[in-house]
Each structure stands twice: as structure tokens, then as C-alpha cells.
Protein backbone atom coordinates (compact mmCIF):
# COMPACT_ATOMS: atom_id res chain seq x y z
CA MET A 1 -11.93 -29.99 -9.14
CA GLY A 2 -13.32 -32.97 -7.39
CA LYS A 3 -16.46 -34.65 -6.21
CA SER A 4 -18.49 -32.98 -3.48
CA SER A 5 -16.85 -33.09 -0.04
CA SER A 6 -13.47 -34.10 -1.41
CA GLY A 7 -11.86 -31.25 0.54
CA LYS A 8 -11.72 -28.61 -2.20
CA ASP A 9 -12.64 -25.66 0.03
CA THR A 10 -10.10 -26.48 2.74
CA LEU A 11 -7.25 -26.92 0.27
CA TYR A 12 -8.35 -23.89 -1.74
CA LYS A 13 -8.06 -21.64 1.31
CA ALA A 14 -4.65 -23.05 2.22
CA LEU A 15 -3.25 -22.58 -1.29
CA LEU A 16 -4.55 -19.00 -1.52
CA LYS A 17 -2.71 -18.17 1.72
CA ASP A 18 0.61 -19.53 0.40
CA SER A 19 2.62 -16.44 -0.57
CA ARG A 20 4.98 -18.56 -2.71
CA LEU A 21 2.12 -19.13 -5.15
CA SER A 22 0.73 -15.57 -5.36
CA LEU A 23 -2.67 -16.85 -6.45
CA GLN A 24 -5.73 -14.65 -6.70
CA LYS A 25 -9.24 -15.87 -6.06
CA ILE A 26 -12.14 -15.73 -8.49
CA ILE A 27 -15.53 -15.38 -6.87
CA PRO A 28 -18.11 -17.51 -8.70
CA TYR A 29 -21.81 -16.79 -9.07
CA THR A 30 -24.86 -18.83 -8.11
CA THR A 31 -28.62 -18.52 -7.97
CA ARG A 32 -28.93 -21.00 -5.10
CA PRO A 33 -29.73 -19.85 -1.57
CA ILE A 34 -26.85 -18.86 0.67
CA ARG A 35 -25.72 -21.55 3.15
CA ALA A 36 -24.96 -21.02 6.82
CA GLY A 37 -21.42 -19.69 7.18
CA GLU A 38 -21.18 -18.36 3.62
CA ARG A 39 -20.64 -14.68 2.89
CA ALA A 40 -22.04 -12.95 -0.18
CA GLY A 41 -19.26 -11.49 -2.31
CA GLU A 42 -16.66 -13.70 -0.69
CA ASP A 43 -17.81 -17.29 -1.20
CA TYR A 44 -20.17 -16.55 -4.09
CA HIS A 45 -21.98 -13.70 -5.71
CA PHE A 46 -25.59 -14.67 -5.00
CA TYR A 47 -27.65 -13.58 -7.99
CA THR A 48 -31.29 -13.83 -8.94
CA GLU A 49 -32.41 -15.48 -12.17
CA GLN A 50 -33.14 -11.97 -13.50
CA GLN A 51 -29.60 -10.79 -12.77
CA LEU A 52 -28.25 -13.90 -14.51
CA ALA A 53 -30.42 -13.18 -17.55
CA GLU A 54 -29.05 -9.61 -17.69
CA LEU A 55 -25.44 -10.90 -17.68
CA GLU A 56 -26.34 -13.35 -20.46
CA GLU A 57 -27.86 -10.53 -22.52
CA GLN A 58 -24.65 -8.53 -22.06
CA GLY A 59 -22.56 -11.52 -23.26
CA LYS A 60 -20.66 -11.69 -19.97
CA ILE A 61 -21.05 -15.39 -19.17
CA ILE A 62 -17.84 -17.43 -19.41
CA GLU A 63 -19.46 -20.69 -18.35
CA LEU A 64 -22.90 -21.59 -17.00
CA ARG A 65 -24.23 -24.77 -15.44
CA ALA A 66 -27.79 -25.60 -14.37
CA TYR A 67 -28.66 -28.23 -11.81
CA ASP A 68 -32.18 -29.58 -11.44
CA THR A 69 -32.14 -29.96 -7.67
CA VAL A 70 -34.88 -31.20 -5.39
CA HIS A 71 -35.46 -27.48 -4.66
CA GLY A 72 -35.69 -26.36 -8.28
CA ILE A 73 -33.13 -25.19 -10.84
CA TRP A 74 -29.93 -23.73 -9.39
CA HIS A 75 -27.37 -22.05 -11.64
CA TYR A 76 -23.65 -21.76 -11.05
CA PHE A 77 -21.55 -19.63 -13.37
CA THR A 78 -18.45 -17.59 -14.02
CA ALA A 79 -18.86 -14.12 -15.44
CA ASP A 80 -16.51 -11.87 -17.35
CA ASP A 81 -16.87 -9.12 -14.76
CA GLY A 82 -13.31 -7.80 -14.61
CA GLN A 83 -12.09 -10.23 -11.93
CA ILE A 84 -9.84 -12.15 -14.32
CA ASP A 85 -6.81 -10.57 -15.99
CA LEU A 86 -4.41 -13.30 -17.10
CA ASN A 87 -1.76 -10.73 -18.01
CA ARG A 88 -1.51 -9.56 -14.41
CA HIS A 89 -2.32 -12.50 -12.11
CA ASN A 90 -2.53 -16.24 -11.67
CA TYR A 91 -5.77 -17.56 -10.20
CA LEU A 92 -7.10 -20.48 -8.21
CA TYR A 93 -10.69 -21.50 -8.84
CA ILE A 94 -12.97 -24.30 -7.68
CA ALA A 95 -14.88 -25.67 -10.64
CA THR A 96 -16.68 -28.70 -11.98
CA LEU A 97 -15.27 -30.72 -14.83
CA GLU A 98 -17.85 -29.13 -17.14
CA ALA A 99 -16.85 -25.63 -16.02
CA TYR A 100 -13.17 -26.47 -16.52
CA GLU A 101 -13.81 -27.53 -20.11
CA LYS A 102 -15.79 -24.35 -20.85
CA MET A 103 -13.05 -22.21 -19.30
CA GLN A 104 -10.51 -23.96 -21.53
CA ASP A 105 -12.61 -22.94 -24.53
CA TYR A 106 -12.84 -19.35 -23.29
CA PHE A 107 -9.25 -18.74 -22.11
CA GLY A 108 -7.30 -21.46 -23.95
CA ARG A 109 -6.11 -24.80 -22.60
CA GLU A 110 -2.55 -23.49 -22.20
CA HIS A 111 -3.71 -21.03 -19.51
CA LEU A 112 -5.26 -23.61 -17.17
CA ILE A 113 -3.65 -26.17 -14.87
CA PRO A 114 -6.19 -28.76 -13.71
CA LEU A 115 -5.95 -29.96 -10.11
CA TYR A 116 -8.23 -32.97 -9.54
CA LEU A 117 -8.78 -34.05 -5.92
CA TYR A 118 -10.19 -37.36 -4.83
CA THR A 119 -10.81 -39.14 -1.56
CA ASP A 120 -12.59 -42.22 -0.26
CA ASP A 121 -16.35 -42.17 -1.03
CA GLY A 122 -17.26 -43.08 2.56
CA LEU A 123 -15.25 -40.17 3.92
CA ARG A 124 -16.85 -37.82 1.38
CA LEU A 125 -20.33 -38.93 2.44
CA SER A 126 -19.47 -38.48 6.11
CA ARG A 127 -18.13 -34.95 5.45
CA ALA A 128 -21.21 -34.01 3.41
CA LEU A 129 -23.56 -35.22 6.14
CA LYS A 130 -21.63 -33.31 8.81
CA ARG A 131 -21.77 -30.10 6.73
CA GLU A 132 -25.46 -30.49 6.01
CA LYS A 133 -26.32 -31.05 9.69
CA ARG A 134 -24.85 -27.58 10.42
CA GLN A 135 -27.38 -25.89 8.12
CA LYS A 136 -30.41 -24.16 9.61
CA GLU A 137 -32.61 -26.16 7.24
CA PRO A 138 -30.66 -29.24 6.14
CA LYS A 139 -31.32 -30.37 2.58
CA TYR A 140 -30.45 -34.06 2.83
CA ALA A 141 -32.21 -35.07 -0.37
CA GLU A 142 -30.15 -32.54 -2.34
CA MET A 143 -26.98 -33.71 -0.60
CA CYS A 144 -27.71 -37.27 -1.74
CA ARG A 145 -28.56 -36.16 -5.28
CA ARG A 146 -25.23 -34.31 -5.56
CA TYR A 147 -23.31 -37.24 -4.14
CA LEU A 148 -24.82 -39.66 -6.67
CA ALA A 149 -24.54 -37.21 -9.60
CA ASP A 150 -20.80 -36.93 -8.95
CA GLU A 151 -20.32 -40.54 -10.07
CA GLU A 152 -21.44 -39.61 -13.58
CA ASP A 153 -20.08 -36.05 -13.62
CA PHE A 154 -16.57 -37.23 -12.71
CA SER A 155 -16.60 -40.59 -14.48
CA GLU A 156 -13.26 -41.94 -15.65
CA GLU A 157 -14.32 -41.42 -19.28
CA LYS A 158 -15.12 -37.75 -18.69
CA LEU A 159 -11.91 -37.14 -16.75
CA LEU A 160 -9.82 -38.62 -19.55
CA ALA A 161 -11.77 -36.73 -22.25
CA ALA A 162 -11.03 -33.46 -20.40
CA GLY A 163 -7.33 -34.30 -20.26
CA ILE A 164 -7.24 -34.96 -16.51
CA ARG A 165 -4.34 -37.34 -16.00
CA LYS A 166 -2.77 -36.16 -12.74
CA ARG A 167 -4.83 -36.72 -9.60
CA PHE A 168 -4.24 -35.75 -5.98
CA GLU A 169 -5.48 -38.02 -3.20
CA ASN A 170 -6.68 -35.95 -0.27
CA THR A 171 -5.99 -38.23 2.70
CA ASP A 172 -3.37 -36.14 4.53
CA ARG A 173 -3.99 -32.38 4.35
CA ASP A 174 -0.36 -31.27 4.76
CA CYS A 175 0.99 -33.82 2.28
CA VAL A 176 -1.54 -32.97 -0.42
CA ILE A 177 -0.95 -29.23 0.04
CA GLU A 178 2.77 -29.75 -0.48
CA GLU A 179 2.11 -31.96 -3.50
CA LEU A 180 -0.29 -29.41 -5.02
CA THR A 181 2.14 -26.54 -4.38
CA GLY A 182 4.98 -28.38 -6.09
CA TYR A 183 2.80 -29.30 -9.03
CA ILE A 184 1.50 -25.74 -9.48
CA THR A 185 4.94 -24.15 -9.38
CA GLY A 186 6.51 -26.83 -11.59
CA THR A 187 3.74 -26.83 -14.17
CA ALA A 188 3.35 -23.04 -14.23
CA SER A 189 7.05 -22.52 -14.91
CA GLN A 190 6.84 -24.98 -17.83
CA THR A 191 3.79 -23.32 -19.43
CA LEU A 192 4.83 -19.67 -19.07
């Protein structure tokens, strides 16, 4: 977890590649348009609102979030689609604080290890702008909305209410990867 452009994707990919961790990936769902460089079925399952409604009717939604963007409502969600089997694998997942809390309710707090990343706000804004400039049709207003919304979504009060005590500063990629790896292996061995 972490605010937008805190480096979640980069660290996520590095941790998934680490054979010492044996982590599996969970592919989330969204109704937003695909971005340049993303691949359907690998980065997200890109679903229509109708497909989302069908999953809701079937009772297969683990957690669902709606964002009123400058381009309309976009949904992000996790579905009980057979990807997750806690008896067989350990998983790494990028989520919001809200999604983390809903997943705790669904799977049980004892099955989740929160990893909260943070970095300097100026660096985050610079990264977000660089990423948005690469898009075929940059959505700068939405980028700014997300950036500002993160201040409330990841407020200190909300982090503490969700039980987020340990935080990882993402200033040096290699150092934070080693810190995350040690924390995952140490915490997992204590909870299993």
C-alpha cells in the first residue's frame, strides 16, 4: 500500500521475482480504460460495468471501490475468481487502505501482512507527471485528483485505525527491497 507514485509497482515486481519469498500475484480488476504499457490479464482484468454487475450478482466480490474521477466513475475490485488459495500459496497484492481493510474482513487479519510504502511528496508528484506524459492521452486533471485524494485516503488517523504501524520509506530501491524481504519472511514465520 501507499500513495500514488510511491513506487509500489517497481517494488512489487522485484518482490515477486525473489524466489526466497515464493509469492504469487493476484490480478485485480478495474473498469477504467487501459493505460499505455499495461496488458489485460497481467496488470488488471479490464471489465465493463456489466461484467462487474454480473460478478456482484454471483456474490464473487471480495472488495470493491468506486472513484468519481474527472472521466466518470471507475471501479477497482478484487474478485473471488479462484486466484486465491491461502492453503496453497502466499500472495503479494497492491491495494488501497480501504481494500486492505475489506480483505482483512474477508480473509481474516491473521492472514494479511501490511506493507506500507511512503516517499517524499515532491518525488511522488514528479513520478506521476512523468508517467502521465507517457500516455497517448494524458489525464492530468485525474492525476492531480488522485494525488490530492491520497492525503485523505492515507491520513495518519486512517493508517492507525487500520493497524498500520510499520512503514517503509522508498528512497533507495535496493535497501527498501531488502527491508521488505526481511520483514515479510520474519513476520510470515511468526504468523504461520
